Amino acid sequence: MVAFIGKYQYNSDMAPDRMQLQNMCKKGHESFKEYAQRWRDLEAQVAPPMTEKEMITIIVDTLPVFYYEKMVGYAPSSFADLVFAGKRIKAGLKRGKFDHPTLMSEKAGTNEVDENEG
């Protein structure tokens, strides 16, 4: 076991790449802001650095369907604007401003959009 770990340790030491960012997904218990922070922390390690537009495009593509549908037509000028929009979407959801099929599963506790979202 130690030999295996020693031989393949370099895999965990390698910097993340764009593919890892594209494969990330929001966890059910994470708020939008927490997910964006986790994503951004990993993005900061990617080389070469990403442009703001590239970051926004990739993270929007990783969002759950409910958020994706709301964000895909939105063109924020910065990552911070994207996070603000995500928080506004959640606030609108809590206030009943959206009529979406995923809301039915949220009531059953099976949706990726959860009540702890901030």
PDB file of N, CA and C in Angstrom:
ATOM      1  N   MET A   1       0.827  -1.189   0.000  1.00  0.00           N
ATOM      2  CA  MET A   1       0.000   0.000   0.000  1.00  0.00           C
ATOM      3  C   MET A   1       0.872   1.254   0.000  1.00  0.00           C
ATOM      4  N   VAL A   2       1.885   1.300   0.838  1.00  0.00           N
ATOM      5  CA  VAL A   2       2.772   2.457   0.906  1.00  0.00           C
ATOM      6  C   VAL A   2       3.474   2.667  -0.433  1.00  0.00           C
ATOM      7  N   ALA A   3       3.872   1.578  -1.071  1.00  0.00           N
ATOM      8  CA  ALA A   3       4.536   1.681  -2.367  1.00  0.00           C
ATOM      9  C   ALA A   3       3.588   2.290  -3.403  1.00  0.00           C
ATOM     10  N   PHE A   4       2.334   1.887  -3.360  1.00  0.00           N
ATOM     11  CA  PHE A   4       1.331   2.419  -4.282  1.00  0.00           C
ATOM     12  C   PHE A   4       1.169   3.923  -4.078  1.00  0.00           C
ATOM     13  N   ILE A   5       1.006   4.314  -2.814  1.00  0.00           N
ATOM     14  CA  ILE A   5       0.841   5.732  -2.506  1.00  0.00           C
ATOM     15  C   ILE A   5       2.066   6.527  -2.942  1.00  0.00           C
ATOM     16  N   GLY A   6       3.248   6.001  -2.652  1.00  0.00           N
ATOM     17  CA  GLY A   6       4.476   6.682  -3.054  1.00  0.00           C
ATOM     18  C   GLY A   6       4.592   6.829  -4.559  1.00  0.00           C
ATOM     19  N   LYS A   7       4.210   5.798  -5.269  1.00  0.00           N
ATOM     20  CA  LYS A   7       4.328   5.800  -6.729  1.00  0.00           C
ATOM     21  C   LYS A   7       3.359   6.774  -7.388  1.00  0.00           C
ATOM     22  N   TYR A   8       2.163   6.919  -6.839  1.00  0.00           N
ATOM     23  CA  TYR A   8       1.139   7.731  -7.471  1.00  0.00           C
ATOM     24  C   TYR A   8       0.826   9.032  -6.730  1.00  0.00           C
ATOM     25  N   GLN A   9       1.634   9.404  -5.763  1.00  0.00           N
ATOM     26  CA  GLN A   9       1.427  10.634  -4.999  1.00  0.00           C
ATOM     27  C   GLN A   9       1.398  11.864  -5.901  1.00  0.00           C
ATOM     28  N   TYR A  10       2.158  11.820  -6.990  1.00  0.00           N
ATOM     29  CA  TYR A  10       2.215  12.977  -7.873  1.00  0.00           C
ATOM     30  C   TYR A  10       0.833  13.356  -8.408  1.00  0.00           C
ATOM     31  N   ASN A  11      -0.062  12.385  -8.517  1.00  0.00           N
ATOM     32  CA  ASN A  11      -1.411  12.684  -9.002  1.00  0.00           C
ATOM     33  C   ASN A  11      -2.136  13.674  -8.093  1.00  0.00           C
ATOM     34  N   SER A  12      -1.961  13.530  -6.804  1.00  0.00           N
ATOM     35  CA  SER A  12      -2.639  14.446  -5.890  1.00  0.00           C
ATOM     36  C   SER A  12      -1.898  15.768  -5.762  1.00  0.00           C
ATOM     37  N   ASP A  13      -0.646  15.801  -6.173  1.00  0.00           N
ATOM     38  CA  ASP A  13       0.138  17.033  -6.096  1.00  0.00           C
ATOM     39  C   ASP A  13      -0.005  17.896  -7.342  1.00  0.00           C
ATOM     40  N   MET A  14      -0.592  17.349  -8.383  1.00  0.00           N
ATOM     41  CA  MET A  14      -0.731  18.083  -9.640  1.00  0.00           C
ATOM     42  C   MET A  14      -1.770  19.185  -9.492  1.00  0.00           C
ATOM     43  N   ALA A  15      -1.542  20.273 -10.182  1.00  0.00           N
ATOM     44  CA  ALA A  15      -2.493  21.385 -10.155  1.00  0.00           C
ATOM     45  C   ALA A  15      -3.775  20.981 -10.878  1.00  0.00           C
ATOM     46  N   PRO A  16      -4.913  21.480 -10.414  1.00  0.00           N
ATOM     47  CA  PRO A  16      -6.173  21.173 -11.100  1.00  0.00           C
ATOM     48  C   PRO A  16      -6.187  21.795 -12.494  1.00  0.00           C
ATOM     49  N   ASP A  17      -7.012  21.248 -13.358  1.00  0.00           N
ATOM     50  CA  ASP A  17      -7.119  21.796 -14.707  1.00  0.00           C
ATOM     51  C   ASP A  17      -8.573  22.160 -15.007  1.00  0.00           C
ATOM     52  N   ARG A  18      -8.794  22.689 -16.187  1.00  0.00           N
ATOM     53  CA  ARG A  18     -10.122  23.131 -16.581  1.00  0.00           C
ATOM     54  C   ARG A  18     -11.134  21.985 -16.587  1.00  0.00           C
ATOM     55  N   MET A  19     -10.670  20.802 -16.928  1.00  0.00           N
ATOM     56  CA  MET A  19     -11.564  19.640 -16.960  1.00  0.00           C
ATOM     57  C   MET A  19     -12.136  19.354 -15.566  1.00  0.00           C
ATOM     58  N   GLN A  20     -11.304  19.467 -14.536  1.00  0.00           N
ATOM     59  CA  GLN A  20     -11.797  19.263 -13.174  1.00  0.00           C
ATOM     60  C   GLN A  20     -12.869  20.286 -12.830  1.00  0.00           C
ATOM     61  N   LEU A  21     -12.668  21.528 -13.237  1.00  0.00           N
ATOM     62  CA  LEU A  21     -13.658  22.564 -12.971  1.00  0.00           C
ATOM     63  C   LEU A  21     -14.961  22.268 -13.705  1.00  0.00           C
ATOM     64  N   GLN A  22     -14.862  21.795 -14.936  1.00  0.00           N
ATOM     65  CA  GLN A  22     -16.044  21.484 -15.727  1.00  0.00           C
ATOM     66  C   GLN A  22     -16.824  20.310 -15.143  1.00  0.00           C
ATOM     67  N   ASN A  23     -16.149  19.441 -14.418  1.00  0.00           N
ATOM     68  CA  ASN A  23     -16.789  18.265 -13.851  1.00  0.00           C
ATOM     69  C   ASN A  23     -17.304  18.469 -12.430  1.00  0.00           C
ATOM     70  N   MET A  24     -17.091  19.640 -11.868  1.00  0.00           N
ATOM     71  CA  MET A  24     -17.583  19.902 -10.518  1.00  0.00           C
ATOM     72  C   MET A  24     -19.097  20.049 -10.551  1.00  0.00           C
ATOM     73  N   CYS A  25     -19.717  19.819  -9.402  1.00  0.00           N
ATOM     74  CA  CYS A  25     -21.157  20.056  -9.297  1.00  0.00           C
ATOM     75  C   CYS A  25     -21.483  20.530  -7.880  1.00  0.00           C
ATOM     76  N   LYS A  26     -22.573  21.257  -7.804  1.00  0.00           N
ATOM     77  CA  LYS A  26     -23.016  21.792  -6.522  1.00  0.00           C
ATOM     78  C   LYS A  26     -23.586  20.652  -5.688  1.00  0.00           C
ATOM     79  N   LYS A  27     -23.132  20.552  -4.457  1.00  0.00           N
ATOM     80  CA  LYS A  27     -23.640  19.535  -3.539  1.00  0.00           C
ATOM     81  C   LYS A  27     -24.968  20.007  -2.959  1.00  0.00           C
ATOM     82  N   GLY A  28     -25.823  19.064  -2.649  1.00  0.00           N
ATOM     83  CA  GLY A  28     -27.164  19.396  -2.167  1.00  0.00           C
ATOM     84  C   GLY A  28     -27.188  20.268  -0.932  1.00  0.00           C
ATOM     85  N   HIS A  29     -26.230  20.097  -0.043  1.00  0.00           N
ATOM     86  CA  HIS A  29     -26.208  20.871   1.203  1.00  0.00           C
ATOM     87  C   HIS A  29     -25.528  22.228   1.056  1.00  0.00           C
ATOM     88  N   GLU A  30     -24.876  22.480  -0.080  1.00  0.00           N
ATOM     89  CA  GLU A  30     -24.135  23.733  -0.275  1.00  0.00           C
ATOM     90  C   GLU A  30     -25.049  24.866  -0.713  1.00  0.00           C
ATOM     91  N   SER A  31     -24.805  26.036  -0.181  1.00  0.00           N
ATOM     92  CA  SER A  31     -25.488  27.217  -0.708  1.00  0.00           C
ATOM     93  C   SER A  31     -24.804  27.575  -2.024  1.00  0.00           C
ATOM     94  N   PHE A  32     -25.449  28.426  -2.793  1.00  0.00           N
ATOM     95  CA  PHE A  32     -24.851  28.858  -4.054  1.00  0.00           C
ATOM     96  C   PHE A  32     -23.511  29.537  -3.789  1.00  0.00           C
ATOM     97  N   LYS A  33     -23.481  30.371  -2.765  1.00  0.00           N
ATOM     98  CA  LYS A  33     -22.256  31.099  -2.433  1.00  0.00           C
ATOM     99  C   LYS A  33     -21.134  30.137  -2.018  1.00  0.00           C
ATOM    100  N   GLU A  34     -21.462  29.116  -1.229  1.00  0.00           N
ATOM    101  CA  GLU A  34     -20.450  28.131  -0.811  1.00  0.00           C
ATOM    102  C   GLU A  34     -19.894  27.374  -2.016  1.00  0.00           C
ATOM    103  N   TYR A  35     -20.789  26.979  -2.928  1.00  0.00           N
ATOM    104  CA  TYR A  35     -20.339  26.270  -4.122  1.00  0.00           C
ATOM    105  C   TYR A  35     -19.440  27.164  -4.962  1.00  0.00           C
ATOM    106  N   ALA A  36     -19.849  28.408  -5.169  1.00  0.00           N
ATOM    107  CA  ALA A  36     -19.047  29.337  -5.973  1.00  0.00           C
ATOM    108  C   ALA A  36     -17.670  29.543  -5.340  1.00  0.00           C
ATOM    109  N   GLN A  37     -17.605  29.614  -4.022  1.00  0.00           N
ATOM    110  CA  GLN A  37     -16.321  29.784  -3.334  1.00  0.00           C
ATOM    111  C   GLN A  37     -15.443  28.551  -3.497  1.00  0.00           C
ATOM    112  N   ARG A  38     -16.038  27.372  -3.352  1.00  0.00           N
ATOM    113  CA  ARG A  38     -15.271  26.132  -3.524  1.00  0.00           C
ATOM    114  C   ARG A  38     -14.747  26.034  -4.960  1.00  0.00           C
ATOM    115  N   TRP A  39     -15.604  26.388  -5.911  1.00  0.00           N
ATOM    116  CA  TRP A  39     -15.213  26.362  -7.318  1.00  0.00           C
ATOM    117  C   TRP A  39     -14.095  27.367  -7.579  1.00  0.00           C
ATOM    118  N   ARG A  40     -14.237  28.563  -7.033  1.00  0.00           N
ATOM    119  CA  ARG A  40     -13.243  29.629  -7.252  1.00  0.00           C
ATOM    120  C   ARG A  40     -11.911  29.284  -6.596  1.00  0.00           C
ATOM    121  N   ASP A  41     -11.946  28.631  -5.432  1.00  0.00           N
ATOM    122  CA  ASP A  41     -10.705  28.213  -4.771  1.00  0.00           C
ATOM    123  C   ASP A  41      -9.918  27.242  -5.648  1.00  0.00           C
ATOM    124  N   LEU A  42     -10.630  26.325  -6.278  1.00  0.00           N
ATOM    125  CA  LEU A  42      -9.968  25.380  -7.177  1.00  0.00           C
ATOM    126  C   LEU A  42      -9.496  26.085  -8.448  1.00  0.00           C
ATOM    127  N   GLU A  43     -10.317  26.979  -8.957  1.00  0.00           N
ATOM    128  CA  GLU A  43      -9.972  27.723 -10.175  1.00  0.00           C
ATOM    129  C   GLU A  43      -8.692  28.532 -10.000  1.00  0.00           C
ATOM    130  N   ALA A  44      -8.469  29.047  -8.818  1.00  0.00           N
ATOM    131  CA  ALA A  44      -7.282  29.869  -8.558  1.00  0.00           C
ATOM    132  C   ALA A  44      -5.986  29.086  -8.731  1.00  0.00           C
ATOM    133  N   GLN A  45      -6.074  27.764  -8.693  1.00  0.00           N
ATOM    134  CA  GLN A  45      -4.891  26.915  -8.833  1.00  0.00           C
ATOM    135  C   GLN A  45      -4.642  26.478 -10.278  1.00  0.00           C
ATOM    136  N   VAL A  46      -5.578  26.780 -11.176  1.00  0.00           N
ATOM    137  CA  VAL A  46      -5.458  26.362 -12.573  1.00  0.00           C
ATOM    138  C   VAL A  46      -4.426  27.219 -13.292  1.00  0.00           C
ATOM    139  N   ALA A  47      -3.588  26.560 -14.091  1.00  0.00           N
ATOM    140  CA  ALA A  47      -2.600  27.276 -14.891  1.00  0.00           C
ATOM    141  C   ALA A  47      -2.774  26.860 -16.350  1.00  0.00           C
ATOM    142  N   PRO A  48      -2.705  27.783 -17.269  1.00  0.00           N
ATOM    143  CA  PRO A  48      -2.612  29.233 -17.095  1.00  0.00           C
ATOM    144  C   PRO A  48      -3.920  29.789 -16.534  1.00  0.00           C
ATOM    145  N   PRO A  49      -3.836  30.972 -15.934  1.00  0.00           N
ATOM    146  CA  PRO A  49      -5.023  31.570 -15.318  1.00  0.00           C
ATOM    147  C   PRO A  49      -6.164  31.742 -16.321  1.00  0.00           C
ATOM    148  N   MET A  50      -7.370  31.641 -15.810  1.00  0.00           N
ATOM    149  CA  MET A  50      -8.556  31.780 -16.653  1.00  0.00           C
ATOM    150  C   MET A  50      -8.999  33.234 -16.715  1.00  0.00           C
ATOM    151  N   THR A  51      -9.610  33.592 -17.830  1.00  0.00           N
ATOM    152  CA  THR A  51     -10.189  34.929 -17.936  1.00  0.00           C
ATOM    153  C   THR A  51     -11.515  34.933 -17.169  1.00  0.00           C
ATOM    154  N   GLU A  52     -11.989  36.096 -16.830  1.00  0.00           N
ATOM    155  CA  GLU A  52     -13.259  36.224 -16.114  1.00  0.00           C
ATOM    156  C   GLU A  52     -14.394  35.594 -16.934  1.00  0.00           C
ATOM    157  N   LYS A  53     -14.405  35.854 -18.224  1.00  0.00           N
ATOM    158  CA  LYS A  53     -15.446  35.318 -19.103  1.00  0.00           C
ATOM    159  C   LYS A  53     -15.402  33.788 -19.126  1.00  0.00           C
ATOM    160  N   GLU A  54     -14.203  33.216 -19.191  1.00  0.00           N
ATOM    161  CA  GLU A  54     -14.057  31.762 -19.194  1.00  0.00           C
ATOM    162  C   GLU A  54     -14.548  31.160 -17.871  1.00  0.00           C
ATOM    163  N   MET A  55     -14.213  31.810 -16.751  1.00  0.00           N
ATOM    164  CA  MET A  55     -14.681  31.333 -15.440  1.00  0.00           C
ATOM    165  C   MET A  55     -16.200  31.300 -15.387  1.00  0.00           C
ATOM    166  N   ILE A  56     -16.825  32.386 -15.812  1.00  0.00           N
ATOM    167  CA  ILE A  56     -18.275  32.493 -15.757  1.00  0.00           C
ATOM    168  C   ILE A  56     -18.926  31.433 -16.642  1.00  0.00           C
ATOM    169  N   THR A  57     -18.400  31.259 -17.834  1.00  0.00           N
ATOM    170  CA  THR A  57     -18.953  30.262 -18.760  1.00  0.00           C
ATOM    171  C   THR A  57     -18.871  28.863 -18.177  1.00  0.00           C
ATOM    172  N   ILE A  58     -17.733  28.510 -17.610  1.00  0.00           N
ATOM    173  CA  ILE A  58     -17.549  27.148 -17.086  1.00  0.00           C
ATOM    174  C   ILE A  58     -18.407  26.914 -15.853  1.00  0.00           C
ATOM    175  N   ILE A  59     -18.432  27.853 -14.923  1.00  0.00           N
ATOM    176  CA  ILE A  59     -19.220  27.603 -13.706  1.00  0.00           C
ATOM    177  C   ILE A  59     -20.712  27.539 -14.018  1.00  0.00           C
ATOM    178  N   VAL A  60     -21.196  28.367 -14.925  1.00  0.00           N
ATOM    179  CA  VAL A  60     -22.614  28.302 -15.285  1.00  0.00           C
ATOM    180  C   VAL A  60     -22.946  26.924 -15.848  1.00  0.00           C
ATOM    181  N   ASP A  61     -22.044  26.365 -16.636  1.00  0.00           N
ATOM    182  CA  ASP A  61     -22.267  25.030 -17.202  1.00  0.00           C
ATOM    183  C   ASP A  61     -22.291  23.932 -16.147  1.00  0.00           C
ATOM    184  N   THR A  62     -21.755  24.187 -14.959  1.00  0.00           N
ATOM    185  CA  THR A  62     -21.739  23.169 -13.903  1.00  0.00           C
ATOM    186  C   THR A  62     -22.937  23.257 -12.964  1.00  0.00           C
ATOM    187  N   LEU A  63     -23.752  24.281 -13.101  1.00  0.00           N
ATOM    188  CA  LEU A  63     -24.852  24.508 -12.163  1.00  0.00           C
ATOM    189  C   LEU A  63     -25.990  23.516 -12.344  1.00  0.00           C
ATOM    190  N   PRO A  64     -26.739  23.247 -11.271  1.00  0.00           N
ATOM    191  CA  PRO A  64     -27.948  22.431 -11.392  1.00  0.00           C
ATOM    192  C   PRO A  64     -28.917  23.090 -12.382  1.00  0.00           C
ATOM    193  N   VAL A  65     -29.783  22.304 -12.973  1.00  0.00           N
ATOM    194  CA  VAL A  65     -30.682  22.775 -14.030  1.00  0.00           C
ATOM    195  C   VAL A  65     -31.434  24.041 -13.641  1.00  0.00           C
ATOM    196  N   PHE A  66     -31.967  24.087 -12.440  1.00  0.00           N
ATOM    197  CA  PHE A  66     -32.742  25.257 -12.031  1.00  0.00           C
ATOM    198  C   PHE A  66     -31.919  26.536 -12.161  1.00  0.00           C
ATOM    199  N   TYR A  67     -30.710  26.533 -11.637  1.00  0.00           N
ATOM    200  CA  TYR A  67     -29.836  27.711 -11.719  1.00  0.00           C
ATOM    201  C   TYR A  67     -29.365  27.940 -13.153  1.00  0.00           C
ATOM    202  N   TYR A  68     -29.037  26.873 -13.852  1.00  0.00           N
ATOM    203  CA  TYR A  68     -28.555  26.998 -15.230  1.00  0.00           C
ATOM    204  C   TYR A  68     -29.587  27.715 -16.093  1.00  0.00           C
ATOM    205  N   GLU A  69     -30.840  27.313 -15.975  1.00  0.00           N
ATOM    206  CA  GLU A  69     -31.896  27.932 -16.770  1.00  0.00           C
ATOM    207  C   GLU A  69     -32.009  29.427 -16.522  1.00  0.00           C
ATOM    208  N   LYS A  70     -31.760  29.834 -15.298  1.00  0.00           N
ATOM    209  CA  LYS A  70     -31.860  31.254 -14.955  1.00  0.00           C
ATOM    210  C   LYS A  70     -30.604  32.034 -15.366  1.00  0.00           C
ATOM    211  N   MET A  71     -29.455  31.376 -15.308  1.00  0.00           N
ATOM    212  CA  MET A  71     -28.178  32.055 -15.539  1.00  0.00           C
ATOM    213  C   MET A  71     -27.715  32.052 -16.996  1.00  0.00           C
ATOM    214  N   VAL A  72     -28.166  31.087 -17.779  1.00  0.00           N
ATOM    215  CA  VAL A  72     -27.606  30.916 -19.114  1.00  0.00           C
ATOM    216  C   VAL A  72     -27.812  32.157 -19.995  1.00  0.00           C
ATOM    217  N   GLY A  73     -28.891  32.862 -19.809  1.00  0.00           N
ATOM    218  CA  GLY A  73     -29.128  34.066 -20.599  1.00  0.00           C
ATOM    219  C   GLY A  73     -28.562  35.330 -19.984  1.00  0.00           C
ATOM    220  N   TYR A  74     -28.029  35.205 -18.791  1.00  0.00           N
ATOM    221  CA  TYR A  74     -27.476  36.336 -18.055  1.00  0.00           C
ATOM    222  C   TYR A  74     -25.987  36.447 -18.359  1.00  0.00           C
ATOM    223  N   ALA A  75     -25.515  37.642 -18.620  1.00  0.00           N
ATOM    224  CA  ALA A  75     -24.098  37.833 -18.937  1.00  0.00           C
ATOM    225  C   ALA A  75     -23.449  38.733 -17.889  1.00  0.00           C
ATOM    226  N   PRO A  76     -23.104  38.168 -16.722  1.00  0.00           N
ATOM    227  CA  PRO A  76     -22.488  39.004 -15.685  1.00  0.00           C
ATOM    228  C   PRO A  76     -21.113  39.485 -16.131  1.00  0.00           C
ATOM    229  N   SER A  77     -20.724  40.650 -15.651  1.00  0.00           N
ATOM    230  CA  SER A  77     -19.419  41.198 -16.030  1.00  0.00           C
ATOM    231  C   SER A  77     -18.307  40.692 -15.128  1.00  0.00           C
ATOM    232  N   SER A  78     -18.677  40.082 -14.006  1.00  0.00           N
ATOM    233  CA  SER A  78     -17.648  39.569 -13.100  1.00  0.00           C
ATOM    234  C   SER A  78     -18.173  38.336 -12.365  1.00  0.00           C
ATOM    235  N   PHE A  79     -17.249  37.595 -11.773  1.00  0.00           N
ATOM    236  CA  PHE A  79     -17.609  36.427 -10.993  1.00  0.00           C
ATOM    237  C   PHE A  79     -18.457  36.843  -9.796  1.00  0.00           C
ATOM    238  N   ALA A  80     -18.135  37.977  -9.197  1.00  0.00           N
ATOM    239  CA  ALA A  80     -18.903  38.481  -8.056  1.00  0.00           C
ATOM    240  C   ALA A  80     -20.350  38.766  -8.459  1.00  0.00           C
ATOM    241  N   ASP A  81     -20.555  39.302  -9.660  1.00  0.00           N
ATOM    242  CA  ASP A  81     -21.912  39.543 -10.153  1.00  0.00           C
ATOM    243  C   ASP A  81     -22.675  38.230 -10.314  1.00  0.00           C
ATOM    244  N   LEU A  82     -21.988  37.183 -10.747  1.00  0.00           N
ATOM    245  CA  LEU A  82     -22.598  35.870 -10.906  1.00  0.00           C
ATOM    246  C   LEU A  82     -23.052  35.332  -9.548  1.00  0.00           C
ATOM    247  N   VAL A  83     -22.213  35.464  -8.532  1.00  0.00           N
ATOM    248  CA  VAL A  83     -22.563  35.005  -7.191  1.00  0.00           C
ATOM    249  C   VAL A  83     -23.763  35.789  -6.673  1.00  0.00           C
ATOM    250  N   PHE A  84     -23.763  37.090  -6.891  1.00  0.00           N
ATOM    251  CA  PHE A  84     -24.889  37.926  -6.463  1.00  0.00           C
ATOM    252  C   PHE A  84     -26.178  37.462  -7.140  1.00  0.00           C
ATOM    253  N   ALA A  85     -26.116  37.182  -8.441  1.00  0.00           N
ATOM    254  CA  ALA A  85     -27.297  36.717  -9.176  1.00  0.00           C
ATOM    255  C   ALA A  85     -27.779  35.377  -8.626  1.00  0.00           C
ATOM    256  N   GLY A  86     -26.867  34.476  -8.311  1.00  0.00           N
ATOM    257  CA  GLY A  86     -27.237  33.185  -7.740  1.00  0.00           C
ATOM    258  C   GLY A  86     -27.950  33.338  -6.414  1.00  0.00           C
ATOM    259  N   LYS A  87     -27.482  34.256  -5.605  1.00  0.00           N
ATOM    260  CA  LYS A  87     -28.120  34.510  -4.311  1.00  0.00           C
ATOM    261  C   LYS A  87     -29.512  35.119  -4.500  1.00  0.00           C
ATOM    262  N   ARG A  88     -29.660  35.974  -5.508  1.00  0.00           N
ATOM    263  CA  ARG A  88     -30.969  36.573  -5.809  1.00  0.00           C
ATOM    264  C   ARG A  88     -31.949  35.521  -6.308  1.00  0.00           C
ATOM    265  N   ILE A  89     -31.457  34.584  -7.111  1.00  0.00           N
ATOM    266  CA  ILE A  89     -32.315  33.499  -7.592  1.00  0.00           C
ATOM    267  C   ILE A  89     -32.844  32.696  -6.415  1.00  0.00           C
ATOM    268  N   LYS A  90     -31.953  32.382  -5.485  1.00  0.00           N
ATOM    269  CA  LYS A  90     -32.380  31.614  -4.310  1.00  0.00           C
ATOM    270  C   LYS A  90     -33.401  32.394  -3.487  1.00  0.00           C
ATOM    271  N   ALA A  91     -33.173  33.687  -3.319  1.00  0.00           N
ATOM    272  CA  ALA A  91     -34.119  34.514  -2.575  1.00  0.00           C
ATOM    273  C   ALA A  91     -35.477  34.522  -3.272  1.00  0.00           C
ATOM    274  N   GLY A  92     -35.484  34.628  -4.586  1.00  0.00           N
ATOM    275  CA  GLY A  92     -36.725  34.584  -5.347  1.00  0.00           C
ATOM    276  C   GLY A  92     -37.423  33.251  -5.212  1.00  0.00           C
ATOM    277  N   LEU A  93     -36.646  32.194  -5.170  1.00  0.00           N
ATOM    278  CA  LEU A  93     -37.195  30.849  -4.985  1.00  0.00           C
ATOM    279  C   LEU A  93     -37.890  30.747  -3.641  1.00  0.00           C
ATOM    280  N   LYS A  94     -37.245  31.252  -2.601  1.00  0.00           N
ATOM    281  CA  LYS A  94     -37.832  31.206  -1.263  1.00  0.00           C
ATOM    282  C   LYS A  94     -39.110  32.031  -1.181  1.00  0.00           C
ATOM    283  N   ARG A  95     -39.175  33.093  -1.966  1.00  0.00           N
ATOM    284  CA  ARG A  95     -40.363  33.966  -1.944  1.00  0.00           C
ATOM    285  C   ARG A  95     -41.460  33.486  -2.894  1.00  0.00           C
ATOM    286  N   GLY A  96     -41.243  32.385  -3.567  1.00  0.00           N
ATOM    287  CA  GLY A  96     -42.249  31.834  -4.470  1.00  0.00           C
ATOM    288  C   GLY A  96     -42.345  32.551  -5.803  1.00  0.00           C
ATOM    289  N   LYS A  97     -41.273  33.201  -6.221  1.00  0.00           N
ATOM    290  CA  LYS A  97     -41.285  33.960  -7.469  1.00  0.00           C
ATOM    291  C   LYS A  97     -41.104  33.076  -8.707  1.00  0.00           C
ATOM    292  N   PHE A  98     -40.702  31.825  -8.521  1.00  0.00           N
ATOM    293  CA  PHE A  98     -40.451  30.926  -9.640  1.00  0.00           C
ATOM    294  C   PHE A  98     -41.422  29.764  -9.624  1.00  0.00           C
ATOM    295  N   ASP A  99     -41.930  29.439 -10.787  1.00  0.00           N
ATOM    296  CA  ASP A  99     -42.772  28.261 -10.952  1.00  0.00           C
ATOM    297  C   ASP A  99     -41.945  27.259 -11.745  1.00  0.00           C
ATOM    298  N   HIS A 100     -41.427  26.260 -11.070  1.00  0.00           N
ATOM    299  CA  HIS A 100     -40.503  25.320 -11.696  1.00  0.00           C
ATOM    300  C   HIS A 100     -40.773  23.911 -11.193  1.00  0.00           C
ATOM    301  N   PRO A 101     -40.725  22.907 -12.086  1.00  0.00           N
ATOM    302  CA  PRO A 101     -40.993  21.519 -11.666  1.00  0.00           C
ATOM    303  C   PRO A 101     -40.089  21.024 -10.538  1.00  0.00           C
ATOM    304  N   THR A 102     -38.874  21.537 -10.444  1.00  0.00           N
ATOM    305  CA  THR A 102     -37.975  21.056  -9.395  1.00  0.00           C
ATOM    306  C   THR A 102     -38.447  21.459  -8.010  1.00  0.00           C
ATOM    307  N   LEU A 103     -39.349  22.429  -7.944  1.00  0.00           N
ATOM    308  CA  LEU A 103     -39.861  22.844  -6.637  1.00  0.00           C
ATOM    309  C   LEU A 103     -40.673  21.736  -5.986  1.00  0.00           C
ATOM    310  N   MET A 104     -41.311  20.910  -6.781  1.00  0.00           N
ATOM    311  CA  MET A 104     -42.075  19.790  -6.242  1.00  0.00           C
ATOM    312  C   MET A 104     -41.152  18.803  -5.542  1.00  0.00           C
ATOM    313  N   SER A 105     -40.003  18.509  -6.165  1.00  0.00           N
ATOM    314  CA  SER A 105     -39.076  17.569  -5.538  1.00  0.00           C
ATOM    315  C   SER A 105     -38.370  18.211  -4.359  1.00  0.00           C
ATOM    316  N   GLU A 106     -38.241  19.535  -4.357  1.00  0.00           N
ATOM    317  CA  GLU A 106     -37.623  20.210  -3.214  1.00  0.00           C
ATOM    318  C   GLU A 106     -38.463  19.999  -1.971  1.00  0.00           C
ATOM    319  N   LYS A 107     -39.787  20.053  -2.143  1.00  0.00           N
ATOM    320  CA  LYS A 107     -40.672  19.841  -1.009  1.00  0.00           C
ATOM    321  C   LYS A 107     -40.513  18.436  -0.445  1.00  0.00           C
ATOM    322  N   ALA A 108     -40.141  17.506  -1.333  1.00  0.00           N
ATOM    323  CA  ALA A 108     -39.927  16.125  -0.896  1.00  0.00           C
ATOM    324  C   ALA A 108     -38.509  15.925  -0.379  1.00  0.00           C
ATOM    325  N   GLY A 109     -37.662  16.973  -0.484  1.00  0.00           N
ATOM    326  CA  GLY A 109     -36.295  16.894   0.015  1.00  0.00           C
ATOM    327  C   GLY A 109     -35.317  16.218  -0.928  1.00  0.00           C
ATOM    328  N   THR A 110     -35.640  16.170  -2.228  1.00  0.00           N
ATOM    329  CA  THR A 110     -34.769  15.477  -3.174  1.00  0.00           C
ATOM    330  C   THR A 110     -34.090  16.411  -4.153  1.00  0.00           C
ATOM    331  N   ASN A 111     -34.281  17.702  -4.022  1.00  0.00           N
ATOM    332  CA  ASN A 111     -33.719  18.629  -4.988  1.00  0.00           C
ATOM    333  C   ASN A 111     -32.353  19.146  -4.564  1.00  0.00           C
ATOM    334  N   GLU A 112     -31.584  19.579  -5.563  1.00  0.00           N
ATOM    335  CA  GLU A 112     -30.264  20.134  -5.301  1.00  0.00           C
ATOM    336  C   GLU A 112     -30.360  21.534  -4.725  1.00  0.00           C
ATOM    337  N   VAL A 113     -31.492  22.201  -4.871  1.00  0.00           N
ATOM    338  CA  VAL A 113     -31.708  23.530  -4.324  1.00  0.00           C
ATOM    339  C   VAL A 113     -32.230  23.347  -2.917  1.00  0.00           C
ATOM    340  N   ASP A 114     -31.438  23.709  -1.912  1.00  0.00           N
ATOM    341  CA  ASP A 114     -31.851  23.418  -0.545  1.00  0.00           C
ATOM    342  C   ASP A 114     -32.135  24.669   0.266  1.00  0.00           C
ATOM    343  N   GLU A 115     -32.730  24.478   1.397  1.00  0.00           N
ATOM    344  CA  GLU A 115     -33.169  25.586   2.238  1.00  0.00           C
ATOM    345  C   GLU A 115     -32.035  26.340   2.918  1.00  0.00           C
ATOM    346  N   ASN A 116     -30.840  25.795   2.985  1.00  0.00           N
ATOM    347  CA  ASN A 116     -29.714  26.463   3.631  1.00  0.00           C
ATOM    348  C   ASN A 116     -28.999  27.417   2.696  1.00  0.00           C
ATOM    349  N   GLU A 117     -29.488  27.551   1.502  1.00  0.00           N
ATOM    350  CA  GLU A 117     -28.832  28.337   0.470  1.00  0.00           C
ATOM    351  C   GLU A 117     -28.751  29.794   0.893  1.00  0.00           C
ATOM    352  N   GLY A 118     -27.591  30.413   0.625  1.00  0.00           N
ATOM    353  CA  GLY A 118     -27.434  31.805   1.002  1.00  0.00           C
ATOM    354  C   GLY A 118     -27.004  32.598  -0.070  1.00  0.00           C
TER     355      GLY A 118
END
